[in-house]
Amino acid sequence: MEGYVSDQLQLLKSVEDSWQANDYLPDMSAEGWEDNVREFRTRAAALPDDILVALVGDMITEEALPTYQTLLNTFEGVSDTTGTDTSAWARWSRGWTAEENRHGDLLNKYLFLTGRVDMRAVEVTIHHLIRNGFNPQAAQDPYKGFVYTSFQERATKISHSNVARLAQKAGESHLKTICGLIAGDEARHEKAYTNFVRKIFEIDPTGAILAFRDLMKIQIVMPADLMTDGQDPDLFDHFATVAQRLGVYTAHDYAAIIQHLVRQWELETICGLEGEAAEAQDYLCKLGPRFAKLAERNNKYQTEATSFQFSWIYNRSV
């Protein structure tokens, strides 16, 4: 697949054509920077606490990038063994990481400048998350690994896009622009990972479909699953509940992503599968609609929302 992956490198942008965090932040060296920061803070003051919590959680997830690059390099046959390998896989890994690195940088600086977030509590959470790591259950298998990244990049794109929508609704159009930029990067990355798996299905449909099934059986582990601020042991669950309540990332989105990937990889039209692989094909084609029904059922039985305190916003409740 080396040649195929090399072709996908076009989905990465050159450094010269890439935005950088400071393109979307007040220039602190400019004359009148105090007025620029004041205007920036006035806009950010429009954001409700629940959107701030969703944004902080998304930023913390992005800031755990060292964990994600480490995991990419555990996939057998596609790792960057020296740190400067010239293989297409290694160039993809480093290029992807370089683009992703800007996401946490920009969101972190944005939140710092708002003056509305306890940045030390946020930094402690980032520290914990990187120390704790996370296990996507890929077991060093590139098939499972790239199914996971295909799913997760789409989930991240959805999350940032929805925060952009909510920011616009709250009157913070600048944050809408920032989250839209990040979502655009995630869309390109999603396309590449989805293409990788599409090629794997062409080469080894049985292996690919079993890998997809295995991940879906255990369900997708969110990359910030082991998030904690040292105080709340259920911090990720509380963050995820706020995101669900806001419509930033929901059980409906989870179901829709499964259905999207089934369509992208044309699972329903694969012929010649036998035994366990044929059973996996049937299972996967029915899985998305099944999760959609479960999500709908859960919506009907939702009770009054419980509020949670978040150290990120000085222990205010959301």
C-alpha atoms as a PDB file:
ATOM      1  CA  MET A   1       0.000   0.000   0.000  1.00  0.00           C
ATOM      2  CA  GLU A   2       3.021   2.309   0.090  1.00  0.00           C
ATOM      3  CA  GLY A   3       2.254   3.874  -3.286  1.00  0.00           C
ATOM      4  CA  TYR A   4      -1.407   4.341  -2.421  1.00  0.00           C
ATOM      5  CA  VAL A   5      -0.585   6.001   0.893  1.00  0.00           C
ATOM      6  CA  SER A   6       1.898   8.251  -0.890  1.00  0.00           C
ATOM      7  CA  ASP A   7      -0.953   9.485  -3.089  1.00  0.00           C
ATOM      8  CA  GLN A   8      -3.002  10.325   0.014  1.00  0.00           C
ATOM      9  CA  LEU A   9      -0.301  12.684   1.281  1.00  0.00           C
ATOM     10  CA  GLN A  10      -1.894  15.324  -0.937  1.00  0.00           C
ATOM     11  CA  LEU A  11      -4.622  15.548   1.716  1.00  0.00           C
ATOM     12  CA  LEU A  12      -2.047  17.198   3.988  1.00  0.00           C
ATOM     13  CA  LYS A  13      -1.389  20.880   3.380  1.00  0.00           C
ATOM     14  CA  SER A  14       2.054  22.421   3.031  1.00  0.00           C
ATOM     15  CA  VAL A  15       3.318  24.492   5.946  1.00  0.00           C
ATOM     16  CA  GLU A  16       3.138  27.573   3.725  1.00  0.00           C
ATOM     17  CA  ASP A  17      -0.554  26.980   2.956  1.00  0.00           C
ATOM     18  CA  SER A  18      -1.549  26.147   6.543  1.00  0.00           C
ATOM     19  CA  TRP A  19      -3.152  28.469   9.052  1.00  0.00           C
ATOM     20  CA  GLN A  20      -1.384  28.983  12.362  1.00  0.00           C
ATOM     21  CA  ALA A  21      -2.875  29.725  15.768  1.00  0.00           C
ATOM     22  CA  ASN A  22      -1.680  33.320  15.902  1.00  0.00           C
ATOM     23  CA  ASP A  23      -3.523  34.116  12.680  1.00  0.00           C
ATOM     24  CA  TYR A  24      -6.739  34.007  14.740  1.00  0.00           C
ATOM     25  CA  LEU A  25      -5.616  35.588  18.011  1.00  0.00           C
ATOM     26  CA  PRO A  26      -4.979  39.199  19.059  1.00  0.00           C
ATOM     27  CA  ASP A  27      -1.485  40.369  18.108  1.00  0.00           C
ATOM     28  CA  MET A  28       0.061  41.121  21.490  1.00  0.00           C
ATOM     29  CA  SER A  29       2.916  43.049  19.860  1.00  0.00           C
ATOM     30  CA  ALA A  30       0.617  45.428  17.985  1.00  0.00           C
ATOM     31  CA  GLU A  31      -0.122  48.964  19.060  1.00  0.00           C
ATOM     32  CA  GLY A  32      -3.436  49.028  20.868  1.00  0.00           C
ATOM     33  CA  TRP A  33      -3.270  45.352  21.786  1.00  0.00           C
ATOM     34  CA  GLU A  34      -5.115  46.096  25.032  1.00  0.00           C
ATOM     35  CA  ASP A  35      -8.174  47.240  23.080  1.00  0.00           C
ATOM     36  CA  ASN A  36      -7.962  44.150  20.869  1.00  0.00           C
ATOM     37  CA  VAL A  37      -7.909  41.857  23.894  1.00  0.00           C
ATOM     38  CA  ARG A  38     -10.777  43.781  25.475  1.00  0.00           C
ATOM     39  CA  GLU A  39     -12.850  43.347  22.323  1.00  0.00           C
ATOM     40  CA  PHE A  40     -11.877  39.661  22.197  1.00  0.00           C
ATOM     41  CA  ARG A  41     -13.052  39.160  25.788  1.00  0.00           C
ATOM     42  CA  THR A  42     -16.294  41.013  25.174  1.00  0.00           C
ATOM     43  CA  ARG A  43     -17.165  38.598  22.369  1.00  0.00           C
ATOM     44  CA  ALA A  44     -16.181  35.563  24.450  1.00  0.00           C
ATOM     45  CA  ALA A  45     -18.324  36.760  27.363  1.00  0.00           C
ATOM     46  CA  ALA A  46     -21.366  35.792  25.289  1.00  0.00           C
ATOM     47  CA  LEU A  47     -20.570  32.082  25.625  1.00  0.00           C
ATOM     48  CA  PRO A  48     -22.683  30.181  28.179  1.00  0.00           C
ATOM     49  CA  ASP A  49     -20.855  27.967  30.662  1.00  0.00           C
ATOM     50  CA  ASP A  50     -22.040  24.741  29.042  1.00  0.00           C
ATOM     51  CA  ILE A  51     -20.476  25.699  25.696  1.00  0.00           C
ATOM     52  CA  LEU A  52     -17.270  26.615  27.541  1.00  0.00           C
ATOM     53  CA  VAL A  53     -17.220  23.151  29.130  1.00  0.00           C
ATOM     54  CA  ALA A  54     -17.689  21.490  25.741  1.00  0.00           C
ATOM     55  CA  LEU A  55     -14.929  23.633  24.258  1.00  0.00           C
ATOM     56  CA  VAL A  56     -12.529  22.925  27.121  1.00  0.00           C
ATOM     57  CA  GLY A  57     -13.176  19.186  26.838  1.00  0.00           C
ATOM     58  CA  ASP A  58     -12.530  19.288  23.105  1.00  0.00           C
ATOM     59  CA  MET A  59      -9.333  21.282  23.653  1.00  0.00           C
ATOM     60  CA  ILE A  60      -8.047  18.871  26.296  1.00  0.00           C
ATOM     61  CA  THR A  61      -8.699  15.978  23.916  1.00  0.00           C
ATOM     62  CA  GLU A  62      -6.671  17.763  21.221  1.00  0.00           C
ATOM     63  CA  GLU A  63      -3.839  18.514  23.650  1.00  0.00           C
ATOM     64  CA  ALA A  64      -3.303  14.798  24.313  1.00  0.00           C
ATOM     65  CA  LEU A  65      -1.781  14.560  20.824  1.00  0.00           C
ATOM     66  CA  PRO A  66       1.487  12.951  22.077  1.00  0.00           C
ATOM     67  CA  THR A  67      -0.563   9.894  23.040  1.00  0.00           C
ATOM     68  CA  TYR A  68      -2.121   9.639  19.591  1.00  0.00           C
ATOM     69  CA  GLN A  69       1.155   9.857  17.683  1.00  0.00           C
ATOM     70  CA  THR A  70       2.618   7.250  20.021  1.00  0.00           C
ATOM     71  CA  LEU A  71      -0.296   4.944  19.215  1.00  0.00           C
ATOM     72  CA  LEU A  72       0.075   5.430  15.453  1.00  0.00           C
ATOM     73  CA  ASN A  73       3.619   4.183  15.806  1.00  0.00           C
ATOM     74  CA  THR A  74       2.467   0.988  17.529  1.00  0.00           C
ATOM     75  CA  PHE A  75       0.634  -0.249  14.422  1.00  0.00           C
ATOM     76  CA  GLU A  76       2.663  -3.076  12.908  1.00  0.00           C
ATOM     77  CA  GLY A  77       4.185  -2.359   9.517  1.00  0.00           C
ATOM     78  CA  VAL A  78       3.303   1.328   9.383  1.00  0.00           C
ATOM     79  CA  SER A  79       5.402   2.844  12.168  1.00  0.00           C
ATOM     80  CA  ASP A  80       8.082   5.522  11.926  1.00  0.00           C
ATOM     81  CA  THR A  81      10.923   3.398  13.298  1.00  0.00           C
ATOM     82  CA  THR A  82      13.621   6.095  13.416  1.00  0.00           C
ATOM     83  CA  GLY A  83      11.568   9.253  13.810  1.00  0.00           C
ATOM     84  CA  THR A  84      12.682  10.467  10.384  1.00  0.00           C
ATOM     85  CA  ASP A  85      11.677   7.553   8.131  1.00  0.00           C
ATOM     86  CA  THR A  86      10.943   8.493   4.524  1.00  0.00           C
ATOM     87  CA  SER A  87       8.193   5.901   4.022  1.00  0.00           C
ATOM     88  CA  ALA A  88       4.758   7.209   3.070  1.00  0.00           C
ATOM     89  CA  TRP A  89       3.326   5.892   6.339  1.00  0.00           C
ATOM     90  CA  ALA A  90       5.924   7.781   8.397  1.00  0.00           C
ATOM     91  CA  ARG A  91       5.472  10.983   6.411  1.00  0.00           C
ATOM     92  CA  TRP A  92       1.715  10.714   6.912  1.00  0.00           C
ATOM     93  CA  SER A  93       2.114  10.198  10.670  1.00  0.00           C
ATOM     94  CA  ARG A  94       4.377  13.212  11.104  1.00  0.00           C
ATOM     95  CA  GLY A  95       2.368  15.418   8.743  1.00  0.00           C
ATOM     96  CA  TRP A  96      -0.914  14.502  10.432  1.00  0.00           C
ATOM     97  CA  THR A  97       0.598  15.210  13.854  1.00  0.00           C
ATOM     98  CA  ALA A  98       1.945  18.581  12.719  1.00  0.00           C
ATOM     99  CA  GLU A  99      -1.484  19.650  11.484  1.00  0.00           C
ATOM    100  CA  GLU A 100      -3.283  18.366  14.563  1.00  0.00           C
ATOM    101  CA  ASN A 101      -0.832  20.143  16.866  1.00  0.00           C
ATOM    102  CA  ARG A 102      -2.259  23.513  15.836  1.00  0.00           C
ATOM    103  CA  HIS A 103      -5.725  22.579  17.100  1.00  0.00           C
ATOM    104  CA  GLY A 104      -4.824  22.349  20.769  1.00  0.00           C
ATOM    105  CA  ASP A 105      -2.531  25.370  20.453  1.00  0.00           C
ATOM    106  CA  LEU A 106      -5.291  27.598  19.097  1.00  0.00           C
ATOM    107  CA  LEU A 107      -8.053  26.453  21.439  1.00  0.00           C
ATOM    108  CA  ASN A 108      -5.745  26.637  24.470  1.00  0.00           C
ATOM    109  CA  LYS A 109      -4.720  30.214  23.704  1.00  0.00           C
ATOM    110  CA  TYR A 110      -8.288  31.197  22.901  1.00  0.00           C
ATOM    111  CA  LEU A 111      -9.512  29.923  26.262  1.00  0.00           C
ATOM    112  CA  PHE A 112      -6.622  31.577  28.115  1.00  0.00           C
ATOM    113  CA  LEU A 113      -7.432  34.950  26.572  1.00  0.00           C
ATOM    114  CA  THR A 114     -11.133  34.751  27.452  1.00  0.00           C
ATOM    115  CA  GLY A 115     -10.264  35.052  31.147  1.00  0.00           C
ATOM    116  CA  ARG A 116     -13.230  32.822  31.919  1.00  0.00           C
ATOM    117  CA  VAL A 117     -11.473  29.504  32.475  1.00  0.00           C
ATOM    118  CA  ASP A 118      -9.303  28.209  35.325  1.00  0.00           C
ATOM    119  CA  MET A 119      -6.330  27.408  33.123  1.00  0.00           C
ATOM    120  CA  ARG A 120      -4.404  25.663  35.886  1.00  0.00           C
ATOM    121  CA  ALA A 121      -7.261  23.209  36.378  1.00  0.00           C
ATOM    122  CA  VAL A 122      -7.300  22.690  32.608  1.00  0.00           C
ATOM    123  CA  GLU A 123      -3.525  22.154  32.510  1.00  0.00           C
ATOM    124  CA  VAL A 124      -3.754  19.640  35.357  1.00  0.00           C
ATOM    125  CA  THR A 125      -6.403  17.749  33.373  1.00  0.00           C
ATOM    126  CA  ILE A 126      -4.195  17.686  30.262  1.00  0.00           C
ATOM    127  CA  HIS A 127      -1.273  16.457  32.375  1.00  0.00           C
ATOM    128  CA  HIS A 128      -3.375  13.654  33.846  1.00  0.00           C
ATOM    129  CA  LEU A 129      -4.777  12.635  30.461  1.00  0.00           C
ATOM    130  CA  ILE A 130      -1.380  12.323  28.781  1.00  0.00           C
ATOM    131  CA  ARG A 131      -0.008  10.419  31.799  1.00  0.00           C
ATOM    132  CA  ASN A 132      -3.019   8.089  31.808  1.00  0.00           C
ATOM    133  CA  GLY A 133      -2.958   7.461  28.045  1.00  0.00           C
ATOM    134  CA  PHE A 134      -5.737   5.563  26.358  1.00  0.00           C
ATOM    135  CA  ASN A 135      -6.229   2.202  24.724  1.00  0.00           C
ATOM    136  CA  PRO A 136      -8.294   2.134  21.505  1.00  0.00           C
ATOM    137  CA  GLN A 137      -8.198  -1.694  21.620  1.00  0.00           C
ATOM    138  CA  ALA A 138      -6.365  -1.832  18.295  1.00  0.00           C
ATOM    139  CA  ALA A 139      -3.808  -4.331  19.658  1.00  0.00           C
ATOM    140  CA  GLN A 140      -1.077  -3.014  17.300  1.00  0.00           C
ATOM    141  CA  ASP A 141      -3.243  -4.093  14.344  1.00  0.00           C
ATOM    142  CA  PRO A 142      -3.181  -1.467  11.553  1.00  0.00           C
ATOM    143  CA  TYR A 143      -6.544  -2.690  10.239  1.00  0.00           C
ATOM    144  CA  LYS A 144      -8.218  -1.962  13.573  1.00  0.00           C
ATOM    145  CA  GLY A 145      -6.104   1.136  14.054  1.00  0.00           C
ATOM    146  CA  PHE A 146      -7.237   2.775  10.839  1.00  0.00           C
ATOM    147  CA  VAL A 147     -10.873   1.766  11.343  1.00  0.00           C
ATOM    148  CA  TYR A 148     -10.578   3.525  14.702  1.00  0.00           C
ATOM    149  CA  THR A 149      -9.033   6.685  13.251  1.00  0.00           C
ATOM    150  CA  SER A 150     -11.645   6.772  10.473  1.00  0.00           C
ATOM    151  CA  PHE A 151     -14.367   6.746  13.108  1.00  0.00           C
ATOM    152  CA  GLN A 152     -12.665   9.127  15.503  1.00  0.00           C
ATOM    153  CA  GLU A 153     -11.717  11.785  12.963  1.00  0.00           C
ATOM    154  CA  ARG A 154     -15.344  11.962  11.854  1.00  0.00           C
ATOM    155  CA  ALA A 155     -16.506  12.164  15.473  1.00  0.00           C
ATOM    156  CA  THR A 156     -14.056  14.991  16.155  1.00  0.00           C
ATOM    157  CA  LYS A 157     -15.150  16.832  13.019  1.00  0.00           C
ATOM    158  CA  ILE A 158     -18.781  16.588  14.141  1.00  0.00           C
ATOM    159  CA  SER A 159     -17.929  17.841  17.630  1.00  0.00           C
ATOM    160  CA  HIS A 160     -15.985  20.898  16.434  1.00  0.00           C
ATOM    161  CA  SER A 161     -18.631  21.685  13.806  1.00  0.00           C
ATOM    162  CA  ASN A 162     -21.369  21.639  16.419  1.00  0.00           C
ATOM    163  CA  VAL A 163     -19.405  23.867  18.804  1.00  0.00           C
ATOM    164  CA  ALA A 164     -18.970  26.264  15.860  1.00  0.00           C
ATOM    165  CA  ARG A 165     -22.744  26.253  15.333  1.00  0.00           C
ATOM    166  CA  LEU A 166     -23.431  26.899  19.020  1.00  0.00           C
ATOM    167  CA  ALA A 167     -20.830  29.678  19.165  1.00  0.00           C
ATOM    168  CA  GLN A 168     -22.486  31.415  16.229  1.00  0.00           C
ATOM    169  CA  LYS A 169     -25.873  31.078  17.910  1.00  0.00           C
ATOM    170  CA  ALA A 170     -24.436  32.596  21.106  1.00  0.00           C
ATOM    171  CA  GLY A 171     -23.040  35.542  19.155  1.00  0.00           C
ATOM    172  CA  GLU A 172     -19.357  34.537  19.186  1.00  0.00           C
ATOM    173  CA  SER A 173     -18.659  34.429  15.460  1.00  0.00           C
ATOM    174  CA  HIS A 174     -14.883  34.404  15.951  1.00  0.00           C
ATOM    175  CA  LEU A 175     -15.026  31.089  17.823  1.00  0.00           C
ATOM    176  CA  LYS A 176     -17.313  29.811  15.077  1.00  0.00           C
ATOM    177  CA  THR A 177     -14.523  30.570  12.583  1.00  0.00           C
ATOM    178  CA  ILE A 178     -11.884  28.874  14.751  1.00  0.00           C
ATOM    179  CA  CYS A 179     -13.879  25.679  15.284  1.00  0.00           C
ATOM    180  CA  GLY A 180     -14.799  25.639  11.596  1.00  0.00           C
ATOM    181  CA  LEU A 181     -11.110  25.721  10.647  1.00  0.00           C
ATOM    182  CA  ILE A 182     -10.348  22.807  12.945  1.00  0.00           C
ATOM    183  CA  ALA A 183     -13.337  20.838  11.647  1.00  0.00           C
ATOM    184  CA  GLY A 184     -12.030  21.387   8.114  1.00  0.00           C
ATOM    185  CA  ASP A 185      -8.701  19.801   9.034  1.00  0.00           C
ATOM    186  CA  GLU A 186     -10.490  16.871  10.649  1.00  0.00           C
ATOM    187  CA  ALA A 187     -12.530  16.372   7.469  1.00  0.00           C
ATOM    188  CA  ARG A 188      -9.353  16.022   5.375  1.00  0.00           C
ATOM    189  CA  HIS A 189      -7.835  13.632   7.886  1.00  0.00           C
ATOM    190  CA  GLU A 190     -11.044  11.615   8.014  1.00  0.00           C
ATOM    191  CA  LYS A 191     -10.966  11.290   4.230  1.00  0.00           C
ATOM    192  CA  ALA A 192      -7.413   9.944   4.272  1.00  0.00           C
ATOM    193  CA  TYR A 193      -8.035   7.355   6.988  1.00  0.00           C
ATOM    194  CA  THR A 194     -11.277   6.276   5.325  1.00  0.00           C
ATOM    195  CA  ASN A 195      -9.364   5.862   2.071  1.00  0.00           C
ATOM    196  CA  PHE A 196      -6.706   3.753   3.820  1.00  0.00           C
ATOM    197  CA  VAL A 197      -9.383   1.348   5.048  1.00  0.00           C
ATOM    198  CA  ARG A 198     -11.150   1.349   1.678  1.00  0.00           C
ATOM    199  CA  LYS A 199      -7.900   0.117   0.126  1.00  0.00           C
ATOM    200  CA  ILE A 200      -7.516  -2.520   2.847  1.00  0.00           C
ATOM    201  CA  PHE A 201     -11.012  -3.773   1.999  1.00  0.00           C
ATOM    202  CA  GLU A 202      -9.938  -4.108  -1.648  1.00  0.00           C
ATOM    203  CA  ILE A 203      -6.820  -6.090  -0.719  1.00  0.00           C
ATOM    204  CA  ASP A 204      -8.129  -8.176   2.195  1.00  0.00           C
ATOM    205  CA  PRO A 205     -11.915  -7.904   2.611  1.00  0.00           C
ATOM    206  CA  THR A 206     -12.093 -10.722   5.144  1.00  0.00           C
ATOM    207  CA  GLY A 207      -9.415  -9.259   7.409  1.00  0.00           C
ATOM    208  CA  ALA A 208     -10.850  -5.759   7.094  1.00  0.00           C
ATOM    209  CA  ILE A 209     -14.411  -6.725   7.935  1.00  0.00           C
ATOM    210  CA  LEU A 210     -13.344  -8.795  10.938  1.00  0.00           C
ATOM    211  CA  ALA A 211     -11.279  -5.872  12.241  1.00  0.00           C
ATOM    212  CA  PHE A 212     -14.249  -3.524  11.826  1.00  0.00           C
ATOM    213  CA  ARG A 213     -16.529  -6.003  13.590  1.00  0.00           C
ATOM    214  CA  ASP A 214     -14.095  -6.504  16.478  1.00  0.00           C
ATOM    215  CA  LEU A 215     -13.919  -2.775  17.191  1.00  0.00           C
ATOM    216  CA  MET A 216     -17.679  -2.359  16.996  1.00  0.00           C
ATOM    217  CA  LYS A 217     -18.250  -5.303  19.345  1.00  0.00           C
ATOM    218  CA  ILE A 218     -16.280  -3.586  22.103  1.00  0.00           C
ATOM    219  CA  GLN A 219     -17.466  -0.125  20.957  1.00  0.00           C
ATOM    220  CA  ILE A 220     -15.282   2.866  20.191  1.00  0.00           C
ATOM    221  CA  VAL A 221     -13.295   4.120  23.172  1.00  0.00           C
ATOM    222  CA  MET A 222     -13.174   7.908  23.209  1.00  0.00           C
ATOM    223  CA  PRO A 223      -9.599   9.268  23.320  1.00  0.00           C
ATOM    224  CA  ALA A 224     -10.283  11.327  26.471  1.00  0.00           C
ATOM    225  CA  ASP A 225     -11.878   8.377  28.289  1.00  0.00           C
ATOM    226  CA  LEU A 226      -9.288   8.530  31.107  1.00  0.00           C
ATOM    227  CA  MET A 227      -9.675  12.276  31.623  1.00  0.00           C
ATOM    228  CA  THR A 228      -9.521  13.528  35.211  1.00  0.00           C
ATOM    229  CA  ASP A 229      -8.686  16.782  36.958  1.00  0.00           C
ATOM    230  CA  GLY A 230      -7.513  14.954  40.075  1.00  0.00           C
ATOM    231  CA  GLN A 231     -10.819  15.712  41.797  1.00  0.00           C
ATOM    232  CA  ASP A 232     -13.639  14.271  39.705  1.00  0.00           C
ATOM    233  CA  PRO A 233     -13.048  10.590  38.847  1.00  0.00           C
ATOM    234  CA  ASP A 234     -16.025  10.700  36.461  1.00  0.00           C
ATOM    235  CA  LEU A 235     -14.944  13.857  34.660  1.00  0.00           C
ATOM    236  CA  PHE A 236     -15.100  12.375  31.170  1.00  0.00           C
ATOM    237  CA  ASP A 237     -18.622  11.039  31.737  1.00  0.00           C
ATOM    238  CA  HIS A 238     -19.735  14.439  33.009  1.00  0.00           C
ATOM    239  CA  PHE A 239     -18.145  16.228  30.046  1.00  0.00           C
ATOM    240  CA  ALA A 240     -19.735  13.711  27.651  1.00  0.00           C
ATOM    241  CA  THR A 241     -23.133  14.262  29.282  1.00  0.00           C
ATOM    242  CA  VAL A 242     -22.871  18.015  28.719  1.00  0.00           C
ATOM    243  CA  ALA A 243     -21.813  17.399  25.099  1.00  0.00           C
ATOM    244  CA  GLN A 244     -24.798  15.073  24.597  1.00  0.00           C
ATOM    245  CA  ARG A 245     -27.182  17.586  26.166  1.00  0.00           C
ATOM    246  CA  LEU A 246     -25.907  20.391  23.908  1.00  0.00           C
ATOM    247  CA  GLY A 247     -25.945  18.243  20.783  1.00  0.00           C
ATOM    248  CA  VAL A 248     -22.164  18.573  20.371  1.00  0.00           C
ATOM    249  CA  TYR A 249     -21.621  14.813  20.167  1.00  0.00           C
ATOM    250  CA  THR A 250     -24.481  12.416  20.790  1.00  0.00           C
ATOM    251  CA  ALA A 251     -25.511   8.778  20.697  1.00  0.00           C
ATOM    252  CA  HIS A 252     -27.253   9.600  17.412  1.00  0.00           C
ATOM    253  CA  ASP A 253     -23.904  10.759  16.010  1.00  0.00           C
ATOM    254  CA  TYR A 254     -22.294   7.467  17.072  1.00  0.00           C
ATOM    255  CA  ALA A 255     -24.955   5.503  15.202  1.00  0.00           C
ATOM    256  CA  ALA A 256     -24.718   7.769  12.161  1.00  0.00           C
ATOM    257  CA  ILE A 257     -20.941   7.333  11.950  1.00  0.00           C
ATOM    258  CA  ILE A 258     -21.317   3.550  11.873  1.00  0.00           C
ATOM    259  CA  GLN A 259     -23.844   3.831   9.044  1.00  0.00           C
ATOM    260  CA  HIS A 260     -21.602   6.300   7.215  1.00  0.00           C
ATOM    261  CA  LEU A 261     -18.595   3.956   7.341  1.00  0.00           C
ATOM    262  CA  VAL A 262     -20.693   0.995   6.211  1.00  0.00           C
ATOM    263  CA  ARG A 263     -21.698   3.057   3.170  1.00  0.00           C
ATOM    264  CA  GLN A 264     -18.199   4.403   2.543  1.00  0.00           C
ATOM    265  CA  TRP A 265     -16.669   0.938   2.508  1.00  0.00           C
ATOM    266  CA  GLU A 266     -19.655  -0.493   0.605  1.00  0.00           C
ATOM    267  CA  LEU A 267     -20.099  -3.374   3.016  1.00  0.00           C
ATOM    268  CA  GLU A 268     -23.491  -4.349   1.658  1.00  0.00           C
ATOM    269  CA  THR A 269     -22.081  -5.045  -1.819  1.00  0.00           C
ATOM    270  CA  ILE A 270     -19.017  -7.101  -0.859  1.00  0.00           C
ATOM    271  CA  CYS A 271     -19.377 -10.565  -2.393  1.00  0.00           C
ATOM    272  CA  GLY A 272     -17.722 -13.874  -1.627  1.00  0.00           C
ATOM    273  CA  LEU A 273     -17.367 -13.598   2.133  1.00  0.00           C
ATOM    274  CA  GLU A 274     -17.777 -16.861   3.998  1.00  0.00           C
ATOM    275  CA  GLY A 275     -18.273 -18.098   7.535  1.00  0.00           C
ATOM    276  CA  GLU A 276     -17.286 -15.644  10.243  1.00  0.00           C
ATOM    277  CA  ALA A 277     -16.650 -12.859   7.731  1.00  0.00           C
ATOM    278  CA  ALA A 278     -20.134 -13.232   6.231  1.00  0.00           C
ATOM    279  CA  GLU A 279     -21.628 -13.117   9.729  1.00  0.00           C
ATOM    280  CA  ALA A 280     -19.589  -9.983  10.449  1.00  0.00           C
ATOM    281  CA  GLN A 281     -20.917  -8.380   7.262  1.00  0.00           C
ATOM    282  CA  ASP A 282     -24.509  -9.015   8.338  1.00  0.00           C
ATOM    283  CA  TYR A 283     -23.807  -7.774  11.877  1.00  0.00           C
ATOM    284  CA  LEU A 284     -22.194  -4.523  10.708  1.00  0.00           C
ATOM    285  CA  CYS A 285     -24.857  -3.703   8.133  1.00  0.00           C
ATOM    286  CA  LYS A 286     -27.537  -3.927  10.841  1.00  0.00           C
ATOM    287  CA  LEU A 287     -25.536  -2.268  13.618  1.00  0.00           C
ATOM    288  CA  GLY A 288     -26.011   1.408  12.752  1.00  0.00           C
ATOM    289  CA  PRO A 289     -29.824   1.254  12.604  1.00  0.00           C
ATOM    290  CA  ARG A 290     -29.835  -0.733  15.840  1.00  0.00           C
ATOM    291  CA  PHE A 291     -27.787   1.931  17.639  1.00  0.00           C
ATOM    292  CA  ALA A 292     -30.026   4.630  16.154  1.00  0.00           C
ATOM    293  CA  LYS A 293     -33.087   2.949  17.692  1.00  0.00           C
ATOM    294  CA  LEU A 294     -31.316   2.686  21.051  1.00  0.00           C
ATOM    295  CA  ALA A 295     -30.411   6.375  20.898  1.00  0.00           C
ATOM    296  CA  GLU A 296     -34.005   7.279  20.113  1.00  0.00           C
ATOM    297  CA  ARG A 297     -35.281   5.134  22.959  1.00  0.00           C
ATOM    298  CA  ASN A 298     -32.840   6.735  25.402  1.00  0.00           C
ATOM    299  CA  ASN A 299     -34.041  10.182  24.339  1.00  0.00           C
ATOM    300  CA  LYS A 300     -37.616   9.272  25.224  1.00  0.00           C
ATOM    301  CA  TYR A 301     -36.685   8.160  28.723  1.00  0.00           C
ATOM    302  CA  GLN A 302     -34.265  10.926  29.610  1.00  0.00           C
ATOM    303  CA  THR A 303     -35.018  12.415  33.014  1.00  0.00           C
ATOM    304  CA  GLU A 304     -34.388  15.995  34.085  1.00  0.00           C
ATOM    305  CA  ALA A 305     -30.777  16.931  33.434  1.00  0.00           C
ATOM    306  CA  THR A 306     -28.352  16.577  36.335  1.00  0.00           C
ATOM    307  CA  SER A 307     -25.848  19.384  36.800  1.00  0.00           C
ATOM    308  CA  PHE A 308     -22.143  18.851  37.450  1.00  0.00           C
ATOM    309  CA  GLN A 309     -19.445  21.081  38.884  1.00  0.00           C
ATOM    310  CA  PHE A 310     -16.395  21.618  36.678  1.00  0.00           C
ATOM    311  CA  SER A 311     -13.078  22.810  38.068  1.00  0.00           C
ATOM    312  CA  TRP A 312     -12.363  24.209  34.581  1.00  0.00           C
ATOM    313  CA  ILE A 313     -14.906  26.987  35.187  1.00  0.00           C
ATOM    314  CA  TYR A 314     -14.099  27.590  38.855  1.00  0.00           C
ATOM    315  CA  ASN A 315     -16.446  24.865  40.099  1.00  0.00           C
ATOM    316  CA  ARG A 316     -19.543  26.432  38.620  1.00  0.00           C
ATOM    317  CA  SER A 317     -22.296  23.927  37.858  1.00  0.00           C
ATOM    318  CA  VAL A 318     -23.519  23.059  34.382  1.00  0.00           C
END
